[in-house]
N, C-alpha and C. Protein backbone atom coordinates (compact mmCIF):
# COMPACT_ATOMS: atom_id res chain seq x y z
N UNK A 1 61.87 -120.74 140.07
CA UNK A 1 61.36 -120.82 141.21
C UNK A 1 60.37 -119.12 141.95
N UNK A 2 59.48 -119.82 142.46
CA UNK A 2 58.41 -118.39 143.24
C UNK A 2 58.48 -118.44 144.89
N UNK A 3 58.38 -117.37 144.80
CA UNK A 3 57.78 -117.53 145.70
C UNK A 3 56.07 -117.47 146.35
N UNK A 4 55.30 -117.52 145.75
CA UNK A 4 53.97 -117.46 145.61
C UNK A 4 53.92 -118.14 147.16
N UNK A 5 52.88 -117.34 148.05
CA UNK A 5 52.22 -118.24 148.90
C UNK A 5 51.81 -119.69 149.70
N UNK A 6 51.42 -120.03 148.12
CA UNK A 6 51.24 -122.07 147.65
C UNK A 6 52.23 -122.33 147.17
N UNK A 7 51.88 -123.97 147.43
CA UNK A 7 53.64 -124.55 146.23
C UNK A 7 52.84 -124.62 145.56
N UNK A 8 54.38 -125.15 144.53
CA UNK A 8 54.13 -124.86 143.06
C UNK A 8 53.09 -126.11 142.27
N UNK A 9 52.67 -127.75 143.41
CA UNK A 9 52.55 -128.09 142.83
C UNK A 9 51.02 -128.17 143.51
N UNK A 10 50.06 -127.36 143.78
CA UNK A 10 49.04 -126.54 144.35
C UNK A 10 48.68 -126.93 143.02
N UNK A 11 46.74 -127.38 143.11
CA UNK A 11 46.46 -127.06 141.92
C UNK A 11 45.01 -125.80 141.87
N UNK A 12 45.33 -124.65 141.39
CA UNK A 12 44.47 -123.37 141.46
C UNK A 12 43.19 -123.78 140.34
N UNK A 13 42.16 -122.83 141.10
CA UNK A 13 40.60 -122.36 140.25
C UNK A 13 40.49 -120.84 140.53
N UNK A 14 39.44 -121.19 139.18
CA UNK A 14 38.82 -119.96 139.84
C UNK A 14 38.08 -119.76 141.48
N UNK A 15 38.15 -118.76 142.08
CA UNK A 15 37.15 -119.06 143.33
C UNK A 15 35.30 -119.09 142.84
N UNK A 16 34.70 -119.84 143.82
CA UNK A 16 32.79 -119.98 143.68
C UNK A 16 32.58 -118.66 144.38
N UNK A 17 32.09 -118.37 142.95
CA UNK A 17 30.85 -117.13 143.25
C UNK A 17 30.93 -116.46 142.55
N UNK A 18 31.48 -116.44 141.31
CA UNK A 18 32.21 -114.99 140.49
C UNK A 18 31.34 -115.37 139.19
N UNK A 19 31.37 -114.63 138.83
CA UNK A 19 30.61 -114.18 137.00
C UNK A 19 31.62 -113.30 136.05
N UNK A 20 32.08 -113.67 135.20
CA UNK A 20 32.73 -113.15 134.33
C UNK A 20 32.20 -112.49 132.72
N UNK A 21 33.43 -111.60 131.96
CA UNK A 21 32.61 -111.63 130.84
C UNK A 21 34.10 -111.22 130.38
N UNK A 22 34.72 -111.44 129.26
CA UNK A 22 35.94 -110.76 128.38
C UNK A 22 35.61 -110.08 127.72
N UNK A 23 36.23 -108.97 127.72
CA UNK A 23 36.06 -108.09 126.56
C UNK A 23 37.16 -107.64 125.81
N UNK A 24 37.15 -106.75 124.96
CA UNK A 24 38.32 -106.76 123.94
C UNK A 24 39.34 -106.69 124.81
N UNK A 25 39.78 -106.05 125.73
CA UNK A 25 40.90 -105.69 126.16
C UNK A 25 41.45 -106.09 128.02
N UNK A 26 40.22 -106.55 127.88
CA UNK A 26 40.27 -107.00 129.37
C UNK A 26 39.44 -107.74 130.47
N UNK A 27 39.11 -108.29 131.42
CA UNK A 27 38.08 -109.74 132.19
C UNK A 27 37.32 -108.77 133.08
N UNK A 28 36.16 -108.22 132.82
CA UNK A 28 35.25 -107.95 134.40
C UNK A 28 35.23 -109.01 134.43
N UNK A 29 35.08 -109.10 136.33
CA UNK A 29 34.20 -109.69 137.12
C UNK A 29 33.85 -109.08 138.36
N UNK A 30 33.29 -110.17 139.28
CA UNK A 30 32.11 -109.66 140.36
C UNK A 30 32.04 -110.82 140.76
N UNK A 31 31.87 -110.49 142.22
CA UNK A 31 31.87 -112.25 143.15
C UNK A 31 29.86 -111.83 143.52
N UNK A 32 29.20 -112.77 143.18
CA UNK A 32 27.83 -112.60 144.16
C UNK A 32 27.44 -113.12 144.77
N UNK A 33 28.49 -113.49 145.64
CA UNK A 33 28.00 -113.84 146.86
C UNK A 33 28.71 -113.46 148.28
N UNK A 34 29.41 -112.08 147.06
CA UNK A 34 29.68 -110.61 148.16
C UNK A 34 28.45 -109.87 148.25
N UNK A 35 27.48 -108.90 148.96
CA UNK A 35 25.86 -108.11 148.81
C UNK A 35 26.53 -106.62 148.02
N UNK A 36 27.76 -106.47 148.16
CA UNK A 36 28.58 -105.27 148.14
C UNK A 36 29.84 -105.20 147.11
N UNK A 37 29.97 -106.58 146.98
CA UNK A 37 30.99 -107.02 145.46
C UNK A 37 30.87 -106.03 144.50
N UNK A 38 32.08 -104.96 144.66
CA UNK A 38 32.54 -103.63 143.35
C UNK A 38 32.78 -105.01 142.57
N UNK A 39 32.89 -104.40 141.02
CA UNK A 39 33.46 -105.30 139.91
C UNK A 39 34.75 -104.74 139.58
N UNK A 40 35.65 -105.76 138.99
CA UNK A 40 36.60 -106.29 138.92
C UNK A 40 36.64 -105.86 137.33
N UNK A 41 37.70 -105.17 136.55
CA UNK A 41 38.72 -105.28 135.72
C UNK A 41 40.50 -105.71 135.54
N UNK A 42 40.62 -107.17 135.54
CA UNK A 42 41.53 -107.65 135.45
C UNK A 42 42.29 -106.74 134.02
N UNK A 43 43.46 -106.60 133.64
CA UNK A 43 44.28 -106.56 132.29
C UNK A 43 45.20 -107.50 132.57
N UNK A 44 46.47 -107.40 131.15
CA UNK A 44 47.43 -108.07 130.90
C UNK A 44 47.64 -109.40 131.71
N UNK A 45 48.64 -109.58 132.50
CA UNK A 45 49.29 -110.81 132.83
C UNK A 45 47.70 -111.04 133.77
N UNK A 46 46.79 -110.28 134.85
CA UNK A 46 46.11 -110.89 135.42
C UNK A 46 44.66 -111.56 134.78
N UNK A 47 44.59 -110.84 133.59
CA UNK A 47 43.60 -111.51 132.47
C UNK A 47 44.05 -111.86 131.76
N UNK A 48 45.06 -113.16 131.41
CA UNK A 48 45.18 -114.04 130.66
C UNK A 48 45.22 -115.10 131.90
N UNK A 49 46.26 -114.71 132.88
CA UNK A 49 46.09 -115.82 133.74
C UNK A 49 44.47 -116.93 134.06
N UNK A 50 43.34 -115.48 134.84
CA UNK A 50 42.01 -115.94 134.86
C UNK A 50 41.87 -117.27 133.59
N UNK A 51 41.66 -116.16 132.20
CA UNK A 51 41.82 -116.89 131.21
C UNK A 51 42.34 -117.74 131.08
N UNK A 52 43.40 -118.50 131.08
CA UNK A 52 44.18 -119.69 131.64
C UNK A 52 43.10 -121.26 132.63
N UNK A 53 42.08 -120.26 133.37
CA UNK A 53 42.21 -121.33 134.14
C UNK A 53 40.34 -121.72 134.08
N UNK A 54 40.05 -121.56 132.93
CA UNK A 54 39.11 -122.07 132.27
C UNK A 54 39.22 -123.29 132.59
N UNK A 55 40.17 -124.57 133.07
CA UNK A 55 40.41 -124.98 133.80
C UNK A 55 41.71 -125.26 134.90
N UNK A 56 40.93 -125.85 136.17
CA UNK A 56 42.32 -125.31 137.29
C UNK A 56 43.75 -126.02 136.71
N UNK A 57 44.69 -125.80 137.83
CA UNK A 57 45.65 -125.97 137.09
C UNK A 57 46.87 -125.56 137.97
N UNK A 58 48.66 -126.72 137.79
CA UNK A 58 49.26 -126.07 138.49
C UNK A 58 50.32 -124.25 138.16
N UNK A 59 50.94 -123.65 139.47
CA UNK A 59 51.56 -122.52 138.98
C UNK A 59 52.18 -122.71 137.18
N UNK A 60 52.88 -124.16 137.25
CA UNK A 60 53.69 -124.29 136.31
C UNK A 60 52.34 -124.32 135.10
N UNK A 61 50.95 -125.43 135.13
CA UNK A 61 50.52 -125.69 133.79
C UNK A 61 49.80 -124.06 133.33
N UNK A 62 50.00 -123.00 134.70
CA UNK A 62 49.60 -121.50 134.32
C UNK A 62 50.25 -120.98 133.94
N UNK A 63 51.22 -121.08 133.70
CA UNK A 63 52.42 -120.16 133.85
C UNK A 63 52.85 -120.41 132.04
N UNK A 64 52.18 -121.70 131.55
CA UNK A 64 52.87 -122.69 130.36
C UNK A 64 50.78 -121.33 129.63
N UNK A 65 50.14 -122.15 130.07
CA UNK A 65 48.89 -121.34 129.41
C UNK A 65 48.43 -119.66 129.15
N UNK A 66 49.30 -119.21 130.27
CA UNK A 66 49.35 -117.77 129.88
C UNK A 66 50.39 -117.06 129.48
N UNK A 67 50.94 -117.66 128.58
CA UNK A 67 52.33 -116.96 127.93
C UNK A 67 53.50 -117.22 128.27
N UNK A 68 53.65 -118.56 128.56
CA UNK A 68 54.74 -119.13 129.03
C UNK A 68 56.41 -118.78 129.59
N UNK A 69 57.34 -119.46 129.08
CA UNK A 69 58.89 -119.39 130.16
C UNK A 69 59.05 -117.27 130.40
N UNK A 70 58.75 -117.10 129.48
CA UNK A 70 59.43 -115.37 129.08
C UNK A 70 58.61 -114.61 129.66
N UNK A 71 56.85 -115.08 129.56
CA UNK A 71 56.37 -114.09 130.73
C UNK A 71 56.04 -114.36 132.84
N UNK A 72 56.77 -115.33 132.97
CA UNK A 72 57.08 -115.88 134.09
C UNK A 72 57.05 -115.56 135.47
N UNK A 73 57.70 -114.50 135.29
CA UNK A 73 57.32 -113.28 136.52
C UNK A 73 56.10 -112.58 136.56
N UNK A 74 55.66 -111.84 135.13
CA UNK A 74 54.88 -111.35 135.07
C UNK A 74 53.68 -112.04 135.69
N UNK A 75 53.79 -113.39 134.87
CA UNK A 75 52.39 -113.79 135.60
C UNK A 75 52.37 -114.69 136.84
N UNK A 76 53.99 -114.52 137.89
CA UNK A 76 53.96 -115.16 138.81
C UNK A 76 52.98 -113.17 139.86
N UNK A 77 53.49 -112.85 139.00
CA UNK A 77 53.00 -111.27 140.47
C UNK A 77 51.56 -110.89 139.79
N UNK A 78 51.12 -111.41 138.84
CA UNK A 78 49.38 -111.81 138.68
C UNK A 78 48.98 -112.81 139.35
N UNK A 79 49.55 -113.96 139.45
CA UNK A 79 48.61 -115.16 140.76
C UNK A 79 48.48 -114.58 141.64
N UNK A 80 49.63 -113.85 142.59
CA UNK A 80 49.76 -113.47 143.61
C UNK A 80 49.01 -112.45 144.10
N UNK A 81 48.34 -111.81 143.43
CA UNK A 81 47.75 -110.24 143.25
C UNK A 81 45.87 -111.53 143.13
N UNK A 82 45.67 -112.36 142.08
CA UNK A 82 45.07 -112.63 142.49
C UNK A 82 44.63 -113.44 143.59
N UNK A 83 45.17 -114.00 144.36
CA UNK A 83 45.39 -115.07 145.22
C UNK A 83 45.24 -114.25 146.50
N UNK A 84 46.09 -112.96 146.50
CA UNK A 84 45.96 -111.76 147.95
C UNK A 84 44.33 -111.26 147.92
N UNK A 85 43.81 -111.64 146.68
CA UNK A 85 42.47 -110.36 146.44
C UNK A 85 41.63 -111.69 146.23
N UNK A 86 41.92 -113.17 146.60
CA UNK A 86 40.81 -114.08 146.97
C UNK A 86 40.05 -114.11 145.66
N UNK A 87 40.49 -113.90 144.01
CA UNK A 87 39.62 -113.74 142.73
C UNK A 87 40.23 -115.85 142.54
N UNK A 88 41.11 -116.02 143.06
CA UNK A 88 41.27 -117.24 142.44
C UNK A 88 41.84 -118.00 143.61
N UNK A 89 41.61 -119.38 144.26
CA UNK A 89 41.52 -120.25 145.19
C UNK A 89 43.17 -121.63 144.80
N UNK A 90 43.15 -122.42 146.07
CA UNK A 90 44.00 -123.63 146.30
C UNK A 90 42.17 -124.65 146.55
N UNK A 91 42.28 -125.81 145.03
CA UNK A 91 41.03 -126.34 144.67
C UNK A 91 41.40 -127.34 145.95
N UNK A 92 40.44 -127.25 147.16
CA UNK A 92 41.10 -128.39 147.35
C UNK A 92 41.33 -129.89 146.87
N UNK A 93 42.21 -130.99 147.53
CA UNK A 93 42.53 -132.25 147.19
C UNK A 93 40.98 -133.38 148.20
N UNK A 94 41.42 -134.49 147.45
CA UNK A 94 40.79 -135.64 147.74
C UNK A 94 38.98 -135.91 147.90
């Protein structure tokens, strides 16, 4: 169980307007739809979550792709950070 600000069954995806590159130990990204958008470095669980979102998925999907149940708390913290920073979004349904 998690206290994410979205339901477990919500489908999460990368926010639109992002360009990114995979580095040796990080993900570098930048919003292109914000004129003064500063580049961001994602490390650890946040980088694993970003990479796991090659395809949108639910929290369960992302936990499995980003390392499995052993890293559930760390993955939830990364999801919370990425949602708060609007780097990932809840994918609209319908």
